[in-house]
C-alpha atoms as a PDB file:
ATOM      1  CA  MET A   1     136.879 112.980 118.889  1.00  0.00           C
ATOM      2  CA  ALA A   2     133.984 115.797 117.928  1.00  0.00           C
ATOM      3  CA  ASP A   3     130.490 114.046 118.004  1.00  0.00           C
ATOM      4  CA  LEU A   4     131.111 113.583 113.812  1.00  0.00           C
ATOM      5  CA  PHE A   5     127.994 110.795 113.592  1.00  0.00           C
ATOM      6  CA  TYR A   6     125.640 113.791 115.309  1.00  0.00           C
ATOM      7  CA  SER A   7     123.802 114.443 112.137  1.00  0.00           C
ATOM      8  CA  ALA A   8     123.448 110.856 111.084  1.00  0.00           C
ATOM      9  CA  ARG A   9     122.120 109.689 114.578  1.00  0.00           C
ATOM     10  CA  LEU A  10     119.735 112.766 114.335  1.00  0.00           C
ATOM     11  CA  THR A  11     118.437 111.770 110.865  1.00  0.00           C
ATOM     12  CA  PHE A  12     117.895 108.107 111.970  1.00  0.00           C
ATOM     13  CA  ALA A  13     115.815 109.815 114.740  1.00  0.00           C
ATOM     14  CA  ARG A  14     114.043 111.072 112.136  1.00  0.00           C
ATOM     15  CA  ALA A  15     113.370 108.311 110.150  1.00  0.00           C
ATOM     16  CA  GLN A  16     112.234 106.659 113.169  1.00  0.00           C
ATOM     17  CA  HIS A  17     109.252 108.842 113.374  1.00  0.00           C
ATOM     18  CA  HIS A  18     108.262 108.544 109.860  1.00  0.00           C
ATOM     19  CA  ILE A  19     107.951 104.925 110.493  1.00  0.00           C
ATOM     20  CA  ASN A  20     105.946 105.410 113.617  1.00  0.00           C
ATOM     21  CA  ASP A  21     103.760 107.697 111.725  1.00  0.00           C
ATOM     22  CA  PHE A  22     103.621 104.840 108.946  1.00  0.00           C
ATOM     23  CA  ASN A  23     102.693 102.204 111.459  1.00  0.00           C
ATOM     24  CA  ARG A  24     100.005 104.192 113.082  1.00  0.00           C
ATOM     25  CA  VAL A  25      98.481 104.941 109.756  1.00  0.00           C
ATOM     26  CA  ALA A  26      98.754 101.477 108.153  1.00  0.00           C
ATOM     27  CA  ASP A  27      97.473  99.996 111.623  1.00  0.00           C
ATOM     28  CA  GLY A  28      94.428 102.442 111.477  1.00  0.00           C
ATOM     29  CA  PHE A  29      93.449 101.051 108.216  1.00  0.00           C
ATOM     30  CA  VAL A  30      94.189  97.287 109.111  1.00  0.00           C
ATOM     31  CA  ASN A  31      92.173  97.276 112.185  1.00  0.00           C
ATOM     32  CA  ARG A  32      89.201  99.280 110.810  1.00  0.00           C
ATOM     33  CA  ASP A  33      86.232  98.075 109.363  1.00  0.00           C
ATOM     34  CA  THR A  34      87.457  98.243 106.548  1.00  0.00           C
ATOM     35  CA  TRP A  35      85.765  95.654 104.775  1.00  0.00           C
ATOM     36  CA  THR A  36      81.843  94.321 104.721  1.00  0.00           C
ATOM     37  CA  TYR A  37      80.679  90.616 103.587  1.00  0.00           C
ATOM     38  CA  ILE A  38      78.137  90.255 101.322  1.00  0.00           C
ATOM     39  CA  ILE A  39      76.122  87.925  99.057  1.00  0.00           C
ATOM     40  CA  ASP A  40      76.169  88.630  95.003  1.00  0.00           C
ATOM     41  CA  LYS A  41      73.056  86.901  93.989  1.00  0.00           C
ATOM     42  CA  ASN A  42      72.823  88.340  90.349  1.00  0.00           C
ATOM     43  CA  SER A  43      76.047  87.355  88.977  1.00  0.00           C
ATOM     44  CA  GLN A  44      75.776  83.896  88.257  1.00  0.00           C
ATOM     45  CA  PRO A  45      71.950  82.695  87.994  1.00  0.00           C
ATOM     46  CA  GLY A  46      71.010  80.077  90.369  1.00  0.00           C
ATOM     47  CA  LYS A  47      74.283  81.007  92.322  1.00  0.00           C
ATOM     48  CA  TYR A  48      74.801  83.155  95.464  1.00  0.00           C
ATOM     49  CA  ILE A  49      78.899  84.167  95.658  1.00  0.00           C
ATOM     50  CA  HIS A  50      80.067  85.124  98.836  1.00  0.00           C
ATOM     51  CA  LYS A  51      82.420  87.575  99.345  1.00  0.00           C
ATOM     52  CA  ILE A  52      84.692  90.242 101.102  1.00  0.00           C
ATOM     53  CA  GLU A  53      84.797  93.546  99.435  1.00  0.00           C
ATOM     54  CA  PHE A  54      86.933  96.553 100.924  1.00  0.00           C
ATOM     55  CA  ILE A  55      85.029  99.830 101.209  1.00  0.00           C
ATOM     56  CA  ARG A  56      87.847 101.972 101.822  1.00  0.00           C
ATOM     57  CA  PRO A  57      90.941 102.512 100.155  1.00  0.00           C
ATOM     58  CA  LEU A  58      94.255 102.667 101.507  1.00  0.00           C
ATOM     59  CA  PRO A  59      95.479 106.063 102.842  1.00  0.00           C
ATOM     60  CA  ASP A  60      96.324 108.571 100.309  1.00  0.00           C
ATOM     61  CA  MET A  61      99.456 109.814 102.807  1.00  0.00           C
ATOM     62  CA  LEU A  62     100.996 106.273 103.208  1.00  0.00           C
ATOM     63  CA  PRO A  63     103.415 106.161 100.158  1.00  0.00           C
ATOM     64  CA  CYS A  64     104.871 109.925 101.004  1.00  0.00           C
ATOM     65  CA  ILE A  65     105.185 108.306 104.604  1.00  0.00           C
ATOM     66  CA  LEU A  66     106.860 105.589 103.027  1.00  0.00           C
ATOM     67  CA  PHE A  67     109.151 108.099 101.163  1.00  0.00           C
ATOM     68  CA  ASP A  68     109.981 109.865 104.258  1.00  0.00           C
ATOM     69  CA  ALA A  69     110.784 106.899 106.293  1.00  0.00           C
ATOM     70  CA  VAL A  70     113.112 105.118 103.645  1.00  0.00           C
ATOM     71  CA  ASN A  71     114.576 108.781 102.431  1.00  0.00           C
ATOM     72  CA  ASN A  72     116.092 109.142 105.935  1.00  0.00           C
ATOM     73  CA  LEU A  73     117.431 106.198 106.458  1.00  0.00           C
ATOM     74  CA  ARG A  74     119.179 105.911 103.060  1.00  0.00           C
ATOM     75  CA  ALA A  75     120.495 109.366 103.828  1.00  0.00           C
ATOM     76  CA  VAL A  76     122.155 108.098 107.173  1.00  0.00           C
ATOM     77  CA  LEU A  77     124.379 105.324 105.425  1.00  0.00           C
ATOM     78  CA  ASP A  78     125.511 108.312 103.245  1.00  0.00           C
ATOM     79  CA  GLN A  79     126.248 110.490 106.305  1.00  0.00           C
ATOM     80  CA  THR A  80     127.953 107.565 108.083  1.00  0.00           C
ATOM     81  CA  GLY A  81     130.430 107.552 105.400  1.00  0.00           C
ATOM     82  CA  TYR A  82     131.283 111.380 105.503  1.00  0.00           C
ATOM     83  CA  ALA A  83     131.497 111.112 109.344  1.00  0.00           C
ATOM     84  CA  ALA A  84     133.906 108.009 109.043  1.00  0.00           C
ATOM     85  CA  ALA A  85     136.327 110.114 106.308  1.00  0.00           C
ATOM     86  CA  ILE A  86     136.129 113.346 108.781  1.00  0.00           C
ATOM     87  CA  ALA A  87     137.369 110.763 111.433  1.00  0.00           C
ATOM     88  CA  ALA A  88     140.050 109.479 109.582  1.00  0.00           C
ATOM     89  CA  LYS A  89     141.443 112.818 108.222  1.00  0.00           C
ATOM     90  CA  SER A  90     140.800 111.547 104.624  1.00  0.00           C
ATOM     91  CA  PRO A  91     142.517 114.097 102.052  1.00  0.00           C
ATOM     92  CA  SER A  92     139.590 113.675  99.701  1.00  0.00           C
ATOM     93  CA  LEU A  93     135.649 113.873 100.486  1.00  0.00           C
ATOM     94  CA  LYS A  94     134.483 112.901  97.014  1.00  0.00           C
ATOM     95  CA  ALA A  95     134.343 109.306  97.092  1.00  0.00           C
ATOM     96  CA  ILE A  96     132.772 108.263 100.685  1.00  0.00           C
ATOM     97  CA  LYS A  97     129.191 106.650  99.654  1.00  0.00           C
ATOM     98  CA  PHE A  98     127.911 103.881 100.804  1.00  0.00           C
ATOM     99  CA  PRO A  99     127.578 101.334  97.977  1.00  0.00           C
ATOM    100  CA  PHE A 100     124.861  99.853  96.320  1.00  0.00           C
ATOM    101  CA  GLY A 101     124.279  97.851  93.074  1.00  0.00           C
ATOM    102  CA  LEU A 102     122.168  95.705  91.400  1.00  0.00           C
ATOM    103  CA  THR A 103     124.234  92.658  91.387  1.00  0.00           C
ATOM    104  CA  GLU A 104     127.371  91.828  92.670  1.00  0.00           C
ATOM    105  CA  ALA A 105     129.626  92.621  90.305  1.00  0.00           C
ATOM    106  CA  ASN A 106     127.607  96.155  89.628  1.00  0.00           C
ATOM    107  CA  PHE A 107     128.303  96.865  93.422  1.00  0.00           C
ATOM    108  CA  ARG A 108     131.823  95.527  93.803  1.00  0.00           C
ATOM    109  CA  ASP A 109     132.489  98.341  90.810  1.00  0.00           C
ATOM    110  CA  ASN A 110     130.383 101.184  92.900  1.00  0.00           C
ATOM    111  CA  ALA A 111     132.239 100.465  95.632  1.00  0.00           C
ATOM    112  CA  ALA A 112     135.747 100.908  93.857  1.00  0.00           C
ATOM    113  CA  GLY A 113     135.001 104.242  92.822  1.00  0.00           C
ATOM    114  CA  GLY A 114     132.661 105.900  95.193  1.00  0.00           C
ATOM    115  CA  CYS A 115     134.531 104.331  98.166  1.00  0.00           C
ATOM    116  CA  LYS A 116     137.727 104.951  97.175  1.00  0.00           C
ATOM    117  CA  ASP A 117     138.082 107.683  99.846  1.00  0.00           C
ATOM    118  CA  LEU A 118     136.868 106.047 102.649  1.00  0.00           C
ATOM    119  CA  PRO A 119     139.399 104.681 105.730  1.00  0.00           C
ATOM    120  CA  THR A 120     140.089 100.742 104.408  1.00  0.00           C
ATOM    121  CA  LYS A 121     138.711  99.057 106.753  1.00  0.00           C
ATOM    122  CA  ILE A 122     135.275 100.893 106.720  1.00  0.00           C
ATOM    123  CA  ARG A 123     135.228 100.471 103.084  1.00  0.00           C
ATOM    124  CA  ALA A 124     135.501  96.655 103.674  1.00  0.00           C
ATOM    125  CA  PHE A 125     133.020  96.674 106.240  1.00  0.00           C
ATOM    126  CA  PHE A 126     130.737  98.813 103.811  1.00  0.00           C
ATOM    127  CA  GLU A 127     131.564  96.270 101.170  1.00  0.00           C
ATOM    128  CA  GLY A 128     130.767  93.178 103.583  1.00  0.00           C
ATOM    129  CA  CYS A 129     126.972  94.567 104.123  1.00  0.00           C
ATOM    130  CA  LYS A 130     126.454  93.206 100.723  1.00  0.00           C
ATOM    131  CA  ALA A 131     123.903  95.657  99.735  1.00  0.00           C
ATOM    132  CA  TYR A 132     122.852  93.941  95.813  1.00  0.00           C
ATOM    133  CA  LYS A 133     119.930  91.638  94.812  1.00  0.00           C
ATOM    134  CA  GLY A 134     120.902  88.452  96.233  1.00  0.00           C
ATOM    135  CA  GLY A 135     123.095  90.307  98.781  1.00  0.00           C
ATOM    136  CA  ASN A 136     121.445  91.702 101.607  1.00  0.00           C
ATOM    137  CA  ASP A 137     117.758  91.974  99.420  1.00  0.00           C
ATOM    138  CA  THR A 138     116.301  94.378 102.217  1.00  0.00           C
ATOM    139  CA  LEU A 139     119.045  97.118 101.934  1.00  0.00           C
ATOM    140  CA  TRP A 140     119.370  96.819  98.359  1.00  0.00           C
ATOM    141  CA  ALA A 141     115.137  97.504  98.236  1.00  0.00           C
ATOM    142  CA  LEU A 142     116.005 100.599 100.400  1.00  0.00           C
ATOM    143  CA  ASN A 143     118.092 102.223  98.122  1.00  0.00           C
ATOM    144  CA  GLU A 144     115.745 101.085  95.183  1.00  0.00           C
ATOM    145  CA  ILE A 145     112.655 102.514  97.004  1.00  0.00           C
ATOM    146  CA  ALA A 146     114.431 106.030  97.185  1.00  0.00           C
ATOM    147  CA  ASN A 147     115.523 105.923  94.286  1.00  0.00           C
ATOM    148  CA  THR A 148     112.681 105.342  92.257  1.00  0.00           C
ATOM    149  CA  ASN A 149     110.836 107.972  94.603  1.00  0.00           C
ATOM    150  CA  LYS A 150     112.994 110.494  93.618  1.00  0.00           C
ATOM    151  CA  HIS A 151     113.103 109.849  89.982  1.00  0.00           C
ATOM    152  CA  LEU A 152     110.041 108.151  88.691  1.00  0.00           C
ATOM    153  CA  THR A 153     106.826 108.359  91.102  1.00  0.00           C
ATOM    154  CA  LEU A 154     106.224 107.432  94.605  1.00  0.00           C
ATOM    155  CA  ILE A 155     106.246 103.900  95.699  1.00  0.00           C
ATOM    156  CA  PRO A 156     102.880 102.353  95.914  1.00  0.00           C
ATOM    157  CA  ALA A 157     101.578 100.633  99.002  1.00  0.00           C
ATOM    158  CA  ARG A 158      98.502  98.107  98.636  1.00  0.00           C
ATOM    159  CA  VAL A 159      96.634  95.820 100.365  1.00  0.00           C
ATOM    160  CA  GLY A 160      98.219  92.373 100.274  1.00  0.00           C
ATOM    161  CA  ASN A 161      98.841  88.996 101.407  1.00  0.00           C
ATOM    162  CA  VAL A 162      94.728  88.473 101.791  1.00  0.00           C
ATOM    163  CA  SER A 163      93.955  85.213 103.164  1.00  0.00           C
ATOM    164  CA  ALA A 164      90.359  83.693 104.323  1.00  0.00           C
ATOM    165  CA  VAL A 165      89.378  80.461 106.043  1.00  0.00           C
ATOM    166  CA  VAL A 166      85.317  79.699 105.131  1.00  0.00           C
ATOM    167  CA  THR A 167      83.199  77.738 107.432  1.00  0.00           C
ATOM    168  CA  HIS A 168      79.904  76.460 106.178  1.00  0.00           C
ATOM    169  CA  ASN A 169      77.334  73.998 106.113  1.00  0.00           C
ATOM    170  CA  ALA A 170      77.811  70.942 104.252  1.00  0.00           C
ATOM    171  CA  GLY A 171      75.641  68.116 103.883  1.00  0.00           C
ATOM    172  CA  PRO A 172      76.249  65.065 105.624  1.00  0.00           C
ATOM    173  CA  PRO A 173      78.632  62.225 104.236  1.00  0.00           C
ATOM    174  CA  PRO A 174      77.075  59.043 102.585  1.00  0.00           C
ATOM    175  CA  GLY A 175      75.219  56.561 104.815  1.00  0.00           C
ATOM    176  CA  MET A 176      75.072  59.607 107.806  1.00  0.00           C
ATOM    177  CA  THR A 177      72.392  62.137 108.794  1.00  0.00           C
ATOM    178  CA  GLY A 178      72.374  65.587 110.553  1.00  0.00           C
ATOM    179  CA  GLU A 179      74.096  68.611 110.327  1.00  0.00           C
ATOM    180  CA  PHE A 180      77.615  68.918 109.430  1.00  0.00           C
ATOM    181  CA  THR A 181      80.219  71.935 108.832  1.00  0.00           C
ATOM    182  CA  LYS A 182      83.229  72.719 106.112  1.00  0.00           C
ATOM    183  CA  VAL A 183      85.889  74.285 106.644  1.00  0.00           C
ATOM    184  CA  SER A 184      87.799  75.233 103.419  1.00  0.00           C
ATOM    185  CA  PRO A 185      90.043  77.909 102.053  1.00  0.00           C
ATOM    186  CA  ALA A 186      88.468  81.094 100.096  1.00  0.00           C
ATOM    187  CA  ILE A 187      88.179  80.645  96.327  1.00  0.00           C
ATOM    188  CA  GLY A 188      90.596  83.440  95.771  1.00  0.00           C
ATOM    189  CA  TRP A 189      91.768  87.104  95.943  1.00  0.00           C
ATOM    190  CA  ASP A 190      90.950  89.672  92.867  1.00  0.00           C
ATOM    191  CA  ALA A 191      93.570  92.665  93.500  1.00  0.00           C
ATOM    192  CA  GLU A 192      91.717  94.661  91.012  1.00  0.00           C
ATOM    193  CA  LYS A 193      88.668  94.999  92.078  1.00  0.00           C
ATOM    194  CA  HIS A 194      89.604  94.797  96.058  1.00  0.00           C
ATOM    195  CA  GLU A 195      87.355  91.462  96.794  1.00  0.00           C
ATOM    196  CA  MET A 196      87.869  87.834  98.216  1.00  0.00           C
ATOM    197  CA  ILE A 197      85.214  85.210  97.124  1.00  0.00           C
ATOM    198  CA  LEU A 198      84.739  83.280  99.802  1.00  0.00           C
ATOM    199  CA  MET A 199      82.517  80.492  98.130  1.00  0.00           C
ATOM    200  CA  ILE A 200      79.744  79.763  95.569  1.00  0.00           C
ATOM    201  CA  ALA A 201      77.049  77.873  96.445  1.00  0.00           C
ATOM    202  CA  ASP A 202      73.763  76.946  95.258  1.00  0.00           C
ATOM    203  CA  SER A 203      70.756  79.853  95.831  1.00  0.00           C
ATOM    204  CA  ALA A 204      69.139  77.493  97.435  1.00  0.00           C
ATOM    205  CA  ALA A 205      71.469  76.150  99.910  1.00  0.00           C
ATOM    206  CA  ASP A 206      71.868  77.223 103.452  1.00  0.00           C
ATOM    207  CA  SER A 207      75.051  77.576 103.439  1.00  0.00           C
ATOM    208  CA  ASN A 208      75.776  79.891 106.881  1.00  0.00           C
ATOM    209  CA  VAL A 209      79.518  81.297 105.644  1.00  0.00           C
ATOM    210  CA  ARG A 210      81.542  82.037 109.004  1.00  0.00           C
ATOM    211  CA  GLY A 211      85.313  82.604 108.464  1.00  0.00           C
ATOM    212  CA  HIS A 212      88.248  84.506 109.407  1.00  0.00           C
ATOM    213  CA  PHE A 213      89.562  87.907 106.648  1.00  0.00           C
ATOM    214  CA  ALA A 214      93.349  88.659 107.143  1.00  0.00           C
ATOM    215  CA  PHE A 215      95.387  91.306 105.128  1.00  0.00           C
ATOM    216  CA  THR A 216      98.657  93.385 105.215  1.00  0.00           C
ATOM    217  CA  VAL A 217      99.712  96.641 103.486  1.00  0.00           C
ATOM    218  CA  VAL A 218     102.731  95.797 101.121  1.00  0.00           C
ATOM    219  CA  ILE A 219     105.142  97.864  99.303  1.00  0.00           C
ATOM    220  CA  ASP A 220     104.353  97.378  95.643  1.00  0.00           C
ATOM    221  CA  SER A 221     106.750  97.495  92.348  1.00  0.00           C
ATOM    222  CA  ILE A 222     109.636  96.169  94.338  1.00  0.00           C
ATOM    223  CA  GLU A 223     109.796  92.134  93.391  1.00  0.00           C
ATOM    224  CA  VAL A 224     111.783  91.148  96.797  1.00  0.00           C
ATOM    225  CA  LEU A 225     109.385  92.640  98.884  1.00  0.00           C
ATOM    226  CA  ALA A 226     105.710  91.718  97.138  1.00  0.00           C
ATOM    227  CA  ARG A 227     104.683  89.569  99.967  1.00  0.00           C
ATOM    228  CA  ARG A 228     106.165  90.889 103.152  1.00  0.00           C
ATOM    229  CA  ASP A 229     104.246  93.343 105.254  1.00  0.00           C
ATOM    230  CA  ALA A 230     105.769  97.040 104.939  1.00  0.00           C
ATOM    231  CA  ARG A 231     105.616  97.183 108.457  1.00  0.00           C
ATOM    232  CA  HIS A 232     107.595  94.418 109.519  1.00  0.00           C
ATOM    233  CA  VAL A 233     110.099  95.606 106.138  1.00  0.00           C
ATOM    234  CA  LEU A 234     110.580  99.636 107.416  1.00  0.00           C
ATOM    235  CA  TYR A 235     111.516  98.001 110.769  1.00  0.00           C
ATOM    236  CA  GLU A 236     114.159  95.082 109.511  1.00  0.00           C
ATOM    237  CA  MET A 237     115.393  98.302 107.117  1.00  0.00           C
ATOM    238  CA  SER A 238     115.804 100.512 110.289  1.00  0.00           C
ATOM    239  CA  HIS A 239     117.551  98.060 112.132  1.00  0.00           C
ATOM    240  CA  ILE A 240     119.951  97.206 109.581  1.00  0.00           C
ATOM    241  CA  VAL A 241     120.659 100.902 108.967  1.00  0.00           C
ATOM    242  CA  GLN A 242     121.222 101.297 112.938  1.00  0.00           C
ATOM    243  CA  GLY A 243     123.456  98.262 113.090  1.00  0.00           C
ATOM    244  CA  ILE A 244     125.782 100.019 110.286  1.00  0.00           C
ATOM    245  CA  LEU A 245     126.033 103.106 111.639  1.00  0.00           C
ATOM    246  CA  LEU A 246     126.365 102.167 115.322  1.00  0.00           C
ATOM    247  CA  ALA A 247     129.170  99.738 113.682  1.00  0.00           C
ATOM    248  CA  THR A 248     131.137 102.394 112.046  1.00  0.00           C
ATOM    249  CA  GLU A 249     130.917 104.944 115.061  1.00  0.00           C
ATOM    250  CA  ALA A 250     132.367 102.213 117.085  1.00  0.00           C
ATOM    251  CA  GLU A 251     135.158 101.481 114.406  1.00  0.00           C
ATOM    252  CA  CYS A 252     135.971 105.154 113.701  1.00  0.00           C
ATOM    253  CA  ALA A 253     136.501 105.880 117.656  1.00  0.00           C
ATOM    254  CA  ARG A 254     138.941 102.447 118.171  1.00  0.00           C
ATOM    255  CA  LEU A 255     140.850 103.257 114.835  1.00  0.00           C
ATOM    256  CA  PHE A 256     140.814 107.217 115.003  1.00  0.00           C
ATOM    257  CA  GLY A 257     140.470 107.877 118.780  1.00  0.00           C
END
């Protein structure tokens, strides 16, 4: 058999290039001095607000790199269907797409019409991938991101999964003397202001605040991805697409020689 899956593999390799680029830029942002610790002494009289503020925005190119990576991965799936149809010498190459759907019913309808020219076993394999919301959410989200970027606007990336643990001086328990420390969760993250309020203390108190602050880059506007590290999401999408490509190629080699 001719190397019918060459284009799909080449496009997948290009997707890896963009994923590596996304990881490099995202890692550079996460690991840089992107935030600073400040004490707000003016917002609340008699109180000191200890907080962390971001001093650098997310790189503007991140959504563009995300689009390139996801668009290539999405293309691999349709190229895989095309190669399978050529391998089977299908009389028509019109309905050979990889199916997606918002719901399982919608997914089944799309598969019935959009995959009817695929080899029967390949179509059944594609349907088994469950590329609908509530089936394989990561695979479904891949298509959602690709379509949103094409028809609306670039999916934004944002700072997410922000957390902090605060260690600070605390008064002694009743009946005891000495210095004590207290570990507590931060008060909360303000996404609009890009700041984390660690604690609010009396202005006269020696709070001596220390702590650990962590955050990730997430993909906005896709509910099922809302709290997931974008770097991990792209890796999982890549792994799923590669599995579909390799399995389809192996099955075509078995069926059609």
